[in-house]
């Protein structure tokens, strides 16, 4: 059952990345609120807007990694199912 362990590993990786993505999105939301508290175009506003964009990028990257890990886990489980049903010979 090597496939099961591999699929579980990728599923755990996906959960980890998803958690990190959610943290990044929460940070982005906080930076967005801080930016809105300052007059647009001021150095403070620009600083928080920049941090917002960076956090959103990080969140999106982590979300993409989570999706890749999930696809890999599903692929492994699919191969495992084919082997157990006798179709993958």
Protein backbone atom coordinates (compact mmCIF):
# COMPACT_ATOMS: atom_id res chain seq x y z
CA UNK A 1 0.00 0.00 0.00
CA UNK A 2 2.73 2.44 -0.90
CA UNK A 3 0.18 4.38 -2.93
CA UNK A 4 -2.01 5.02 0.11
CA UNK A 5 0.85 6.57 2.06
CA UNK A 6 1.83 8.73 -0.91
CA UNK A 7 -1.74 9.90 -1.42
CA UNK A 8 -2.07 10.69 2.29
CA UNK A 9 1.21 12.59 2.19
CA UNK A 10 0.03 14.78 -0.67
CA UNK A 11 -3.33 15.32 1.00
CA UNK A 12 -1.57 16.53 4.17
CA UNK A 13 0.63 18.80 2.07
CA UNK A 14 -2.48 20.22 0.43
CA UNK A 15 -4.03 20.92 3.83
CA UNK A 16 -0.83 22.62 5.01
CA UNK A 17 -0.69 24.84 1.92
CA UNK A 18 -4.38 25.65 2.22
CA UNK A 19 -3.88 26.76 5.82
CA UNK A 20 -0.93 28.96 4.78
CA UNK A 21 -3.00 30.44 1.94
CA UNK A 22 -5.80 31.32 4.34
CA UNK A 23 -3.30 33.00 6.67
CA UNK A 24 -1.93 35.05 3.78
CA UNK A 25 -5.41 36.09 2.71
CA UNK A 26 -6.22 37.17 6.29
CA UNK A 27 -3.03 39.25 6.35
CA UNK A 28 -3.96 40.79 3.01
CA UNK A 29 -7.37 41.73 4.34
CA UNK A 30 -5.79 43.39 7.38
CA UNK A 31 -3.32 45.32 5.19
CA UNK A 32 -6.17 46.42 2.94
CA UNK A 33 -8.05 47.82 5.94
CA UNK A 34 -4.93 49.64 7.14
CA UNK A 35 -4.38 51.10 3.67
CA UNK A 36 -7.97 52.35 3.61
CA UNK A 37 -7.38 54.16 6.91
CA UNK A 38 -4.77 56.38 5.23
CA UNK A 39 -5.18 58.96 2.50
CA UNK A 40 -4.64 57.37 -0.89
CA UNK A 41 -1.18 58.02 -2.32
CA UNK A 42 0.50 58.69 1.02
CA UNK A 43 3.56 56.64 1.94
CA UNK A 44 1.56 54.72 4.57
CA UNK A 45 -1.18 53.89 2.08
CA UNK A 46 1.36 52.79 -0.52
CA UNK A 47 3.21 50.68 2.06
CA UNK A 48 0.09 48.78 3.13
CA UNK A 49 -1.14 48.42 -0.45
CA UNK A 50 2.20 46.87 -1.37
CA UNK A 51 2.00 44.49 1.59
CA UNK A 52 -1.57 43.64 0.59
CA UNK A 53 -0.50 42.70 -2.93
CA UNK A 54 2.40 40.61 -1.67
CA UNK A 55 0.16 38.74 0.79
CA UNK A 56 -2.41 38.11 -1.94
CA UNK A 57 0.32 36.73 -4.23
CA UNK A 58 1.59 34.46 -1.46
CA UNK A 59 -1.93 33.26 -0.76
CA UNK A 60 -2.57 32.52 -4.41
CA UNK A 61 0.75 30.67 -4.73
CA UNK A 62 -0.06 28.53 -1.69
CA UNK A 63 -3.55 27.88 -3.01
CA UNK A 64 -2.07 26.70 -6.31
CA UNK A 65 0.36 24.40 -4.48
CA UNK A 66 -2.53 22.97 -2.47
CA UNK A 67 -4.44 22.26 -5.67
CA UNK A 68 -1.40 20.58 -7.23
CA UNK A 69 -0.92 18.38 -4.17
CA UNK A 70 -4.61 17.43 -4.21
CA UNK A 71 -4.44 16.52 -7.90
CA UNK A 72 -1.38 14.39 -7.21
CA UNK A 73 -3.16 12.61 -4.35
CA UNK A 74 -6.19 11.97 -6.57
CA UNK A 75 -3.94 10.67 -9.35
CA UNK A 76 -2.24 8.25 -6.95
CA UNK A 77 -5.58 7.09 -5.58
CA UNK A 78 -6.84 6.57 -9.14
CA UNK A 79 -3.84 4.37 -9.95
CA UNK A 80 -4.38 2.48 -6.71
CA UNK A 81 -8.04 1.90 -7.61
CA UNK A 82 -7.11 0.67 -11.09
CA UNK A 83 -4.64 -1.82 -9.64
CA UNK A 84 -7.06 -3.08 -7.02
CA UNK A 85 -9.80 -3.57 -9.64
CA UNK A 86 -7.42 -5.33 -12.00
CA UNK A 87 -7.65 -2.77 -14.81
CA UNK A 88 -4.17 -1.31 -14.45
CA UNK A 89 -2.18 -4.36 -15.56
